[in-house]
mmCIF file of all heavy atoms, coordinates in Angstrom:
data_MODEL
# 
_entry.id   MODEL 
# 
loop_
_atom_site.group_PDB 
_atom_site.id 
_atom_site.type_symbol 
_atom_site.label_atom_id 
_atom_site.label_alt_id 
_atom_site.label_comp_id 
_atom_site.label_asym_id 
_atom_site.label_entity_id 
_atom_site.label_seq_id 
_atom_site.pdbx_PDB_ins_code 
_atom_site.Cartn_x 
_atom_site.Cartn_y 
_atom_site.Cartn_z 
_atom_site.occupancy 
_atom_site.B_iso_or_equiv 
_atom_site.pdbx_formal_charge 
_atom_site.auth_seq_id 
_atom_site.auth_comp_id 
_atom_site.auth_asym_id 
_atom_site.auth_atom_id 
_atom_site.pdbx_PDB_model_num 
ATOM 1   N N   . SER A 1 1  ? 0.843   -1.201 0.000   1.00 0.00 ? 1  SER A N   1 
ATOM 2   C CA  . SER A 1 1  ? 0.000   0.000  0.000   1.00 0.00 ? 1  SER A CA  1 
ATOM 3   C C   . SER A 1 1  ? 0.873   1.244  0.000   1.00 0.00 ? 1  SER A C   1 
ATOM 4   O O   . SER A 1 1  ? 2.054   1.200  0.376   1.00 0.00 ? 1  SER A O   1 
ATOM 5   C CB  . SER A 1 1  ? -0.918  -0.001 1.223   1.00 0.00 ? 1  SER A CB  1 
ATOM 6   O OG  . SER A 1 1  ? -0.151  0.046  2.423   1.00 0.00 ? 1  SER A OG  1 
ATOM 7   N N   . GLN A 1 2  ? 0.296   2.345  -0.428  1.00 0.00 ? 2  GLN A N   1 
ATOM 8   C CA  . GLN A 1 2  ? 1.007   3.623  -0.491  1.00 0.00 ? 2  GLN A CA  1 
ATOM 9   C C   . GLN A 1 2  ? 0.128   4.705  0.129   1.00 0.00 ? 2  GLN A C   1 
ATOM 10  O O   . GLN A 1 2  ? -1.077  4.733  -0.096  1.00 0.00 ? 2  GLN A O   1 
ATOM 11  C CB  . GLN A 1 2  ? 1.349   3.989  -1.934  1.00 0.00 ? 2  GLN A CB  1 
ATOM 12  C CG  . GLN A 1 2  ? 2.229   2.983  -2.648  1.00 0.00 ? 2  GLN A CG  1 
ATOM 13  C CD  . GLN A 1 2  ? 2.480   3.355  -4.094  1.00 0.00 ? 2  GLN A CD  1 
ATOM 14  O OE1 . GLN A 1 2  ? 2.419   4.514  -4.474  1.00 0.00 ? 2  GLN A OE1 1 
ATOM 15  N NE2 . GLN A 1 2  ? 2.757   2.346  -4.921  1.00 0.00 ? 2  GLN A NE2 1 
ATOM 16  N N   . THR A 1 3  ? 0.755   5.612  0.894   1.00 0.00 ? 3  THR A N   1 
ATOM 17  C CA  . THR A 1 3  ? 0.025   6.697  1.551   1.00 0.00 ? 3  THR A CA  1 
ATOM 18  C C   . THR A 1 3  ? 0.649   8.031  1.199   1.00 0.00 ? 3  THR A C   1 
ATOM 19  O O   . THR A 1 3  ? 1.884   8.181  1.231   1.00 0.00 ? 3  THR A O   1 
ATOM 20  C CB  . THR A 1 3  ? 0.025   6.510  3.078   1.00 0.00 ? 3  THR A CB  1 
ATOM 21  O OG1 . THR A 1 3  ? -0.608  5.265  3.407   1.00 0.00 ? 3  THR A OG1 1 
ATOM 22  C CG2 . THR A 1 3  ? -0.731  7.641  3.759   1.00 0.00 ? 3  THR A CG2 1 
ATOM 23  N N   . TYR A 1 4  ? -0.194  8.983  0.857   1.00 0.00 ? 4  TYR A N   1 
ATOM 24  C CA  . TYR A 1 4  ? 0.267   10.321 0.498   1.00 0.00 ? 4  TYR A CA  1 
ATOM 25  C C   . TYR A 1 4  ? -0.553  11.369 1.241   1.00 0.00 ? 4  TYR A C   1 
ATOM 26  O O   . TYR A 1 4  ? -1.700  11.128 1.629   1.00 0.00 ? 4  TYR A O   1 
ATOM 27  C CB  . TYR A 1 4  ? 0.153   10.538 -1.015  1.00 0.00 ? 4  TYR A CB  1 
ATOM 28  C CG  . TYR A 1 4  ? 0.959   9.562  -1.814  1.00 0.00 ? 4  TYR A CG  1 
ATOM 29  C CD1 . TYR A 1 4  ? 0.361   8.435  -2.396  1.00 0.00 ? 4  TYR A CD1 1 
ATOM 30  C CD2 . TYR A 1 4  ? 2.331   9.721  -1.963  1.00 0.00 ? 4  TYR A CD2 1 
ATOM 31  C CE1 . TYR A 1 4  ? 1.106   7.521  -3.101  1.00 0.00 ? 4  TYR A CE1 1 
ATOM 32  C CE2 . TYR A 1 4  ? 3.087   8.803  -2.668  1.00 0.00 ? 4  TYR A CE2 1 
ATOM 33  C CZ  . TYR A 1 4  ? 2.473   7.708  -3.237  1.00 0.00 ? 4  TYR A CZ  1 
ATOM 34  O OH  . TYR A 1 4  ? 3.223   6.804  -3.937  1.00 0.00 ? 4  TYR A OH  1 
ATOM 35  N N   . THR A 1 5  ? 0.055   12.536 1.422   1.00 0.00 ? 5  THR A N   1 
ATOM 36  C CA  . THR A 1 5  ? -0.589  13.641 2.131   1.00 0.00 ? 5  THR A CA  1 
ATOM 37  C C   . THR A 1 5  ? -0.866  14.780 1.166   1.00 0.00 ? 5  THR A C   1 
ATOM 38  O O   . THR A 1 5  ? -0.055  15.075 0.289   1.00 0.00 ? 5  THR A O   1 
ATOM 39  C CB  . THR A 1 5  ? 0.299   14.156 3.275   1.00 0.00 ? 5  THR A CB  1 
ATOM 40  O OG1 . THR A 1 5  ? 0.574   13.082 4.177   1.00 0.00 ? 5  THR A OG1 1 
ATOM 41  C CG2 . THR A 1 5  ? -0.395  15.282 4.039   1.00 0.00 ? 5  THR A CG2 1 
ATOM 42  N N   . ARG A 1 6  ? -2.025  15.392 1.325   1.00 0.00 ? 6  ARG A N   1 
ATOM 43  C CA  . ARG A 1 6  ? -2.374  16.579 0.557   1.00 0.00 ? 6  ARG A CA  1 
ATOM 44  C C   . ARG A 1 6  ? -2.856  17.671 1.513   1.00 0.00 ? 6  ARG A C   1 
ATOM 45  O O   . ARG A 1 6  ? -3.465  17.379 2.549   1.00 0.00 ? 6  ARG A O   1 
ATOM 46  C CB  . ARG A 1 6  ? -3.479  16.280 -0.465  1.00 0.00 ? 6  ARG A CB  1 
ATOM 47  C CG  . ARG A 1 6  ? -3.053  15.409 -1.634  1.00 0.00 ? 6  ARG A CG  1 
ATOM 48  C CD  . ARG A 1 6  ? -2.112  16.163 -2.552  1.00 0.00 ? 6  ARG A CD  1 
ATOM 49  N NE  . ARG A 1 6  ? -1.854  15.433 -3.791  1.00 0.00 ? 6  ARG A NE  1 
ATOM 50  C CZ  . ARG A 1 6  ? -0.890  14.535 -3.956  1.00 0.00 ? 6  ARG A CZ  1 
ATOM 51  N NH1 . ARG A 1 6  ? -0.106  14.232 -2.920  1.00 0.00 ? 6  ARG A NH1 1 
ATOM 52  N NH2 . ARG A 1 6  ? -0.709  13.942 -5.124  1.00 0.00 ? 6  ARG A NH2 1 
ATOM 53  N N   . THR A 1 7  ? -2.587  18.920 1.140   1.00 0.00 ? 7  THR A N   1 
ATOM 54  C CA  . THR A 1 7  ? -3.027  20.071 1.917   1.00 0.00 ? 7  THR A CA  1 
ATOM 55  C C   . THR A 1 7  ? -3.854  20.985 1.030   1.00 0.00 ? 7  THR A C   1 
ATOM 56  O O   . THR A 1 7  ? -3.411  21.353 -0.065  1.00 0.00 ? 7  THR A O   1 
ATOM 57  C CB  . THR A 1 7  ? -1.832  20.855 2.488   1.00 0.00 ? 7  THR A CB  1 
ATOM 58  O OG1 . THR A 1 7  ? -1.062  19.991 3.340   1.00 0.00 ? 7  THR A OG1 1 
ATOM 59  C CG2 . THR A 1 7  ? -2.302  22.060 3.297   1.00 0.00 ? 7  THR A CG2 1 
ATOM 60  N N   . VAL A 1 8  ? -5.054  21.319 1.491   1.00 0.00 ? 8  VAL A N   1 
ATOM 61  C CA  . VAL A 1 8  ? -5.942  22.196 0.731   1.00 0.00 ? 8  VAL A CA  1 
ATOM 62  C C   . VAL A 1 8  ? -6.095  23.525 1.463   1.00 0.00 ? 8  VAL A C   1 
ATOM 63  O O   . VAL A 1 8  ? -6.016  23.589 2.689   1.00 0.00 ? 8  VAL A O   1 
ATOM 64  C CB  . VAL A 1 8  ? -7.331  21.548 0.504   1.00 0.00 ? 8  VAL A CB  1 
ATOM 65  C CG1 . VAL A 1 8  ? -7.242  20.416 -0.483  1.00 0.00 ? 8  VAL A CG1 1 
ATOM 66  C CG2 . VAL A 1 8  ? -7.927  21.072 1.823   1.00 0.00 ? 8  VAL A CG2 1 
ATOM 67  N N   . THR A 1 9  ? -6.310  24.572 0.687   1.00 0.00 ? 9  THR A N   1 
ATOM 68  C CA  . THR A 1 9  ? -6.493  25.921 1.221   1.00 0.00 ? 9  THR A CA  1 
ATOM 69  C C   . THR A 1 9  ? -7.910  26.381 0.910   1.00 0.00 ? 9  THR A C   1 
ATOM 70  O O   . THR A 1 9  ? -8.362  26.272 -0.237  1.00 0.00 ? 9  THR A O   1 
ATOM 71  C CB  . THR A 1 9  ? -5.485  26.903 0.603   1.00 0.00 ? 9  THR A CB  1 
ATOM 72  O OG1 . THR A 1 9  ? -4.158  26.421 0.833   1.00 0.00 ? 9  THR A OG1 1 
ATOM 73  C CG2 . THR A 1 9  ? -5.635  28.292 1.218   1.00 0.00 ? 9  THR A CG2 1 
ATOM 74  N N   . ASN A 1 10 ? -8.595  26.899 1.910   1.00 0.00 ? 10 ASN A N   1 
ATOM 75  C CA  . ASN A 1 10 ? -9.976  27.338 1.739   1.00 0.00 ? 10 ASN A CA  1 
ATOM 76  C C   . ASN A 1 10 ? -10.022 28.713 1.072   1.00 0.00 ? 10 ASN A C   1 
ATOM 77  O O   . ASN A 1 10 ? -9.602  29.712 1.653   1.00 0.00 ? 10 ASN A O   1 
ATOM 78  C CB  . ASN A 1 10 ? -10.674 27.399 3.105   1.00 0.00 ? 10 ASN A CB  1 
ATOM 79  C CG  . ASN A 1 10 ? -12.118 27.845 2.990   1.00 0.00 ? 10 ASN A CG  1 
ATOM 80  O OD1 . ASN A 1 10 ? -12.742 27.688 1.939   1.00 0.00 ? 10 ASN A OD1 1 
ATOM 81  N ND2 . ASN A 1 10 ? -12.661 28.392 4.068   1.00 0.00 ? 10 ASN A ND2 1 
ATOM 82  N N   . VAL A 1 11 ? -10.518 28.772 -0.152  1.00 0.00 ? 11 VAL A N   1 
ATOM 83  C CA  . VAL A 1 11 ? -10.686 30.047 -0.864  1.00 0.00 ? 11 VAL A CA  1 
ATOM 84  C C   . VAL A 1 11 ? -12.162 30.298 -1.164  1.00 0.00 ? 11 VAL A C   1 
ATOM 85  O O   . VAL A 1 11 ? -12.504 31.174 -1.957  1.00 0.00 ? 11 VAL A O   1 
ATOM 86  C CB  . VAL A 1 11 ? -9.857  30.071 -2.170  1.00 0.00 ? 11 VAL A CB  1 
ATOM 87  C CG1 . VAL A 1 11 ? -8.367  30.005 -1.867  1.00 0.00 ? 11 VAL A CG1 1 
ATOM 88  C CG2 . VAL A 1 11 ? -10.274 28.935 -3.104  1.00 0.00 ? 11 VAL A CG2 1 
ATOM 89  N N   . GLY A 1 12 ? -13.021 29.502 -0.541  1.00 0.00 ? 12 GLY A N   1 
ATOM 90  C CA  . GLY A 1 12 ? -14.463 29.654 -0.727  1.00 0.00 ? 12 GLY A CA  1 
ATOM 91  C C   . GLY A 1 12 ? -15.078 30.390 0.445   1.00 0.00 ? 12 GLY A C   1 
ATOM 92  O O   . GLY A 1 12 ? -14.577 31.426 0.890   1.00 0.00 ? 12 GLY A O   1 
ATOM 93  N N   . GLU A 1 13 ? -16.146 29.829 0.993   1.00 0.00 ? 13 GLU A N   1 
ATOM 94  C CA  . GLU A 1 13 ? -16.800 30.441 2.139   1.00 0.00 ? 13 GLU A CA  1 
ATOM 95  C C   . GLU A 1 13 ? -16.002 30.175 3.416   1.00 0.00 ? 13 GLU A C   1 
ATOM 96  O O   . GLU A 1 13 ? -15.468 29.083 3.609   1.00 0.00 ? 13 GLU A O   1 
ATOM 97  C CB  . GLU A 1 13 ? -18.212 29.890 2.281   1.00 0.00 ? 13 GLU A CB  1 
ATOM 98  C CG  . GLU A 1 13 ? -19.107 30.211 1.090   1.00 0.00 ? 13 GLU A CG  1 
ATOM 99  C CD  . GLU A 1 13 ? -20.423 29.444 1.133   1.00 0.00 ? 13 GLU A CD  1 
ATOM 100 O OE1 . GLU A 1 13 ? -20.395 28.222 1.392   1.00 0.00 ? 13 GLU A OE1 1 
ATOM 101 O OE2 . GLU A 1 13 ? -21.461 30.074 0.914   1.00 0.00 ? 13 GLU A OE2 1 
ATOM 102 N N   . ALA A 1 14 ? -15.925 31.191 4.292   1.00 0.00 ? 14 ALA A N   1 
ATOM 103 C CA  . ALA A 1 14 ? -15.121 31.072 5.515   1.00 0.00 ? 14 ALA A CA  1 
ATOM 104 C C   . ALA A 1 14 ? -15.574 29.889 6.358   1.00 0.00 ? 14 ALA A C   1 
ATOM 105 O O   . ALA A 1 14 ? -14.768 29.024 6.725   1.00 0.00 ? 14 ALA A O   1 
ATOM 106 C CB  . ALA A 1 14 ? -15.198 32.370 6.313   1.00 0.00 ? 14 ALA A CB  1 
ATOM 107 N N   . MET A 1 15 ? -16.866 29.839 6.686   1.00 0.00 ? 15 MET A N   1 
ATOM 108 C CA  . MET A 1 15 ? -17.422 28.731 7.459   1.00 0.00 ? 15 MET A CA  1 
ATOM 109 C C   . MET A 1 15 ? -17.952 27.680 6.490   1.00 0.00 ? 15 MET A C   1 
ATOM 110 O O   . MET A 1 15 ? -18.993 27.874 5.863   1.00 0.00 ? 15 MET A O   1 
ATOM 111 C CB  . MET A 1 15 ? -18.545 29.226 8.377   1.00 0.00 ? 15 MET A CB  1 
ATOM 112 C CG  . MET A 1 15 ? -18.098 30.282 9.378   1.00 0.00 ? 15 MET A CG  1 
ATOM 113 S SD  . MET A 1 15 ? -17.021 29.607 10.665  1.00 0.00 ? 15 MET A SD  1 
ATOM 114 C CE  . MET A 1 15 ? -18.158 28.506 11.499  1.00 0.00 ? 15 MET A CE  1 
ATOM 115 N N   . SER A 1 16 ? -17.234 26.600 6.338   1.00 0.00 ? 16 SER A N   1 
ATOM 116 C CA  . SER A 1 16 ? -17.652 25.587 5.374   1.00 0.00 ? 16 SER A CA  1 
ATOM 117 C C   . SER A 1 16 ? -17.181 24.207 5.819   1.00 0.00 ? 16 SER A C   1 
ATOM 118 O O   . SER A 1 16 ? -16.142 24.070 6.477   1.00 0.00 ? 16 SER A O   1 
ATOM 119 C CB  . SER A 1 16 ? -17.113 25.907 3.972   1.00 0.00 ? 16 SER A CB  1 
ATOM 120 O OG  . SER A 1 16 ? -15.709 26.089 4.010   1.00 0.00 ? 16 SER A OG  1 
ATOM 121 N N   . THR A 1 17 ? -17.959 23.201 5.453   1.00 0.00 ? 17 THR A N   1 
ATOM 122 C CA  . THR A 1 17 ? -17.638 21.816 5.770   1.00 0.00 ? 17 THR A CA  1 
ATOM 123 C C   . THR A 1 17 ? -17.613 21.002 4.483   1.00 0.00 ? 17 THR A C   1 
ATOM 124 O O   . THR A 1 17 ? -18.554 21.060 3.682   1.00 0.00 ? 17 THR A O   1 
ATOM 125 C CB  . THR A 1 17 ? -18.670 21.222 6.740   1.00 0.00 ? 17 THR A CB  1 
ATOM 126 O OG1 . THR A 1 17 ? -18.665 21.972 7.962   1.00 0.00 ? 17 THR A OG1 1 
ATOM 127 C CG2 . THR A 1 17 ? -18.349 19.764 7.044   1.00 0.00 ? 17 THR A CG2 1 
ATOM 128 N N   . TYR A 1 18 ? -16.549 20.248 4.299   1.00 0.00 ? 18 TYR A N   1 
ATOM 129 C CA  . TYR A 1 18 ? -16.393 19.411 3.105   1.00 0.00 ? 18 TYR A CA  1 
ATOM 130 C C   . TYR A 1 18 ? -16.354 17.940 3.523   1.00 0.00 ? 18 TYR A C   1 
ATOM 131 O O   . TYR A 1 18 ? -15.668 17.570 4.472   1.00 0.00 ? 18 TYR A O   1 
ATOM 132 C CB  . TYR A 1 18 ? -15.106 19.759 2.348   1.00 0.00 ? 18 TYR A CB  1 
ATOM 133 C CG  . TYR A 1 18 ? -15.155 21.074 1.626   1.00 0.00 ? 18 TYR A CG  1 
ATOM 134 C CD1 . TYR A 1 18 ? -14.922 22.267 2.301   1.00 0.00 ? 18 TYR A CD1 1 
ATOM 135 C CD2 . TYR A 1 18 ? -15.424 21.129 0.258   1.00 0.00 ? 18 TYR A CD2 1 
ATOM 136 C CE1 . TYR A 1 18 ? -14.961 23.492 1.624   1.00 0.00 ? 18 TYR A CE1 1 
ATOM 137 C CE2 . TYR A 1 18 ? -15.459 22.332 -0.418  1.00 0.00 ? 18 TYR A CE2 1 
ATOM 138 C CZ  . TYR A 1 18 ? -15.229 23.507 0.270   1.00 0.00 ? 18 TYR A CZ  1 
ATOM 139 O OH  . TYR A 1 18 ? -15.274 24.717 -0.396  1.00 0.00 ? 18 TYR A OH  1 
ATOM 140 N N   . ARG A 1 19 ? -17.089 17.136 2.785   1.00 0.00 ? 19 ARG A N   1 
ATOM 141 C CA  . ARG A 1 19 ? -17.082 15.690 2.993   1.00 0.00 ? 19 ARG A CA  1 
ATOM 142 C C   . ARG A 1 19 ? -16.532 14.999 1.756   1.00 0.00 ? 19 ARG A C   1 
ATOM 143 O O   . ARG A 1 19 ? -16.816 15.407 0.637   1.00 0.00 ? 19 ARG A O   1 
ATOM 144 C CB  . ARG A 1 19 ? -18.502 15.190 3.302   1.00 0.00 ? 19 ARG A CB  1 
ATOM 145 C CG  . ARG A 1 19 ? -19.004 15.629 4.676   1.00 0.00 ? 19 ARG A CG  1 
ATOM 146 C CD  . ARG A 1 19 ? -20.448 15.236 4.909   1.00 0.00 ? 19 ARG A CD  1 
ATOM 147 N NE  . ARG A 1 19 ? -20.846 15.452 6.298   1.00 0.00 ? 19 ARG A NE  1 
ATOM 148 C CZ  . ARG A 1 19 ? -21.174 16.635 6.802   1.00 0.00 ? 19 ARG A CZ  1 
ATOM 149 N NH1 . ARG A 1 19 ? -21.166 17.704 6.022   1.00 0.00 ? 19 ARG A NH1 1 
ATOM 150 N NH2 . ARG A 1 19 ? -21.507 16.743 8.083   1.00 0.00 ? 19 ARG A NH2 1 
ATOM 151 N N   . VAL A 1 20 ? -15.775 13.956 1.981   1.00 0.00 ? 20 VAL A N   1 
ATOM 152 C CA  . VAL A 1 20 ? -15.113 13.296 0.868   1.00 0.00 ? 20 VAL A CA  1 
ATOM 153 C C   . VAL A 1 20 ? -16.032 12.277 0.214   1.00 0.00 ? 20 VAL A C   1 
ATOM 154 O O   . VAL A 1 20 ? -16.824 11.598 0.882   1.00 0.00 ? 20 VAL A O   1 
ATOM 155 C CB  . VAL A 1 20 ? -13.797 12.620 1.327   1.00 0.00 ? 20 VAL A CB  1 
ATOM 156 C CG1 . VAL A 1 20 ? -14.068 11.380 2.157   1.00 0.00 ? 20 VAL A CG1 1 
ATOM 157 C CG2 . VAL A 1 20 ? -12.920 12.283 0.135   1.00 0.00 ? 20 VAL A CG2 1 
ATOM 158 N N   . GLU A 1 21 ? -15.969 12.223 -1.091  1.00 0.00 ? 21 GLU A N   1 
ATOM 159 C CA  . GLU A 1 21 ? -16.647 11.197 -1.888  1.00 0.00 ? 21 GLU A CA  1 
ATOM 160 C C   . GLU A 1 21 ? -15.584 10.503 -2.724  1.00 0.00 ? 21 GLU A C   1 
ATOM 161 O O   . GLU A 1 21 ? -14.758 11.170 -3.351  1.00 0.00 ? 21 GLU A O   1 
ATOM 162 C CB  . GLU A 1 21 ? -17.700 11.835 -2.792  1.00 0.00 ? 21 GLU A CB  1 
ATOM 163 C CG  . GLU A 1 21 ? -18.352 10.882 -3.763  1.00 0.00 ? 21 GLU A CG  1 
ATOM 164 C CD  . GLU A 1 21 ? -19.223 11.591 -4.779  1.00 0.00 ? 21 GLU A CD  1 
ATOM 165 O OE1 . GLU A 1 21 ? -19.724 12.684 -4.485  1.00 0.00 ? 21 GLU A OE1 1 
ATOM 166 O OE2 . GLU A 1 21 ? -19.385 11.040 -5.893  1.00 0.00 ? 21 GLU A OE2 1 
ATOM 167 N N   . ILE A 1 22 ? -15.596 9.188  -2.722  1.00 0.00 ? 22 ILE A N   1 
ATOM 168 C CA  . ILE A 1 22 ? -14.542 8.432  -3.398  1.00 0.00 ? 22 ILE A CA  1 
ATOM 169 C C   . ILE A 1 22 ? -15.142 7.523  -4.461  1.00 0.00 ? 22 ILE A C   1 
ATOM 170 O O   . ILE A 1 22 ? -16.078 6.764  -4.188  1.00 0.00 ? 22 ILE A O   1 
ATOM 171 C CB  . ILE A 1 22 ? -13.733 7.582  -2.399  1.00 0.00 ? 22 ILE A CB  1 
ATOM 172 C CG1 . ILE A 1 22 ? -13.109 8.470  -1.315  1.00 0.00 ? 22 ILE A CG1 1 
ATOM 173 C CG2 . ILE A 1 22 ? -12.655 6.780  -3.122  1.00 0.00 ? 22 ILE A CG2 1 
ATOM 174 C CD1 . ILE A 1 22 ? -12.492 7.677  -0.179  1.00 0.00 ? 22 ILE A CD1 1 
ATOM 175 N N   . VAL A 1 23 ? -14.625 7.624  -5.669  1.00 0.00 ? 23 VAL A N   1 
ATOM 176 C CA  . VAL A 1 23 ? -14.907 6.649  -6.721  1.00 0.00 ? 23 VAL A CA  1 
ATOM 177 C C   . VAL A 1 23 ? -13.588 5.916  -6.968  1.00 0.00 ? 23 VAL A C   1 
ATOM 178 O O   . VAL A 1 23 ? -12.698 6.426  -7.655  1.00 0.00 ? 23 VAL A O   1 
ATOM 179 C CB  . VAL A 1 23 ? -15.435 7.312  -8.005  1.00 0.00 ? 23 VAL A CB  1 
ATOM 180 C CG1 . VAL A 1 23 ? -15.589 6.278  -9.108  1.00 0.00 ? 23 VAL A CG1 1 
ATOM 181 C CG2 . VAL A 1 23 ? -16.759 8.010  -7.740  1.00 0.00 ? 23 VAL A CG2 1 
ATOM 182 N N   . SER A 1 24 ? -13.448 4.753  -6.348  1.00 0.00 ? 24 SER A N   1 
ATOM 183 C CA  . SER A 1 24 ? -12.179 4.036  -6.384  1.00 0.00 ? 24 SER A CA  1 
ATOM 184 C C   . SER A 1 24 ? -11.929 3.421  -7.747  1.00 0.00 ? 24 SER A C   1 
ATOM 185 O O   . SER A 1 24 ? -12.863 2.908  -8.386  1.00 0.00 ? 24 SER A O   1 
ATOM 186 C CB  . SER A 1 24 ? -12.162 2.928  -5.325  1.00 0.00 ? 24 SER A CB  1 
ATOM 187 O OG  . SER A 1 24 ? -12.272 3.461  -4.027  1.00 0.00 ? 24 SER A OG  1 
ATOM 188 N N   . PRO A 1 25 ? -10.689 3.462  -8.204  1.00 0.00 ? 25 PRO A N   1 
ATOM 189 C CA  . PRO A 1 25 ? -10.354 2.717  -9.423  1.00 0.00 ? 25 PRO A CA  1 
ATOM 190 C C   . PRO A 1 25 ? -10.618 1.227  -9.213  1.00 0.00 ? 25 PRO A C   1 
ATOM 191 O O   . PRO A 1 25 ? -10.580 0.722  -8.083  1.00 0.00 ? 25 PRO A O   1 
ATOM 192 C CB  . PRO A 1 25 ? -8.852  2.993  -9.608  1.00 0.00 ? 25 PRO A CB  1 
ATOM 193 C CG  . PRO A 1 25 ? -8.593  4.237  -8.823  1.00 0.00 ? 25 PRO A CG  1 
ATOM 194 C CD  . PRO A 1 25 ? -9.539  4.192  -7.665  1.00 0.00 ? 25 PRO A CD  1 
ATOM 195 N N   . ARG A 1 26 ? -10.909 0.535  -10.269 1.00 0.00 ? 26 ARG A N   1 
ATOM 196 C CA  . ARG A 1 26 ? -11.183 -0.899 -10.187 1.00 0.00 ? 26 ARG A CA  1 
ATOM 197 C C   . ARG A 1 26 ? -10.003 -1.645 -9.587  1.00 0.00 ? 26 ARG A C   1 
ATOM 198 O O   . ARG A 1 26 ? -8.856  -1.372 -9.913  1.00 0.00 ? 26 ARG A O   1 
ATOM 199 C CB  . ARG A 1 26 ? -11.492 -1.435 -11.593 1.00 0.00 ? 26 ARG A CB  1 
ATOM 200 C CG  . ARG A 1 26 ? -12.058 -2.831 -11.634 1.00 0.00 ? 26 ARG A CG  1 
ATOM 201 C CD  . ARG A 1 26 ? -12.607 -3.130 -13.031 1.00 0.00 ? 26 ARG A CD  1 
ATOM 202 N NE  . ARG A 1 26 ? -11.592 -2.945 -14.049 1.00 0.00 ? 26 ARG A NE  1 
ATOM 203 C CZ  . ARG A 1 26 ? -10.730 -3.901 -14.406 1.00 0.00 ? 26 ARG A CZ  1 
ATOM 204 N NH1 . ARG A 1 26 ? -10.768 -5.091 -13.831 1.00 0.00 ? 26 ARG A NH1 1 
ATOM 205 N NH2 . ARG A 1 26 ? -9.835  -3.667 -15.344 1.00 0.00 ? 26 ARG A NH2 1 
# 
C-alpha cells in the first residue's frame, strides 16, 4: 500500500464543511 498527504487551502466560504466522496479505481 502507499500513503500520500495533501493540503488544501480554503478560498471559498469562511465557514464551510467538506465531505469526501470516493470513486475508487477498479
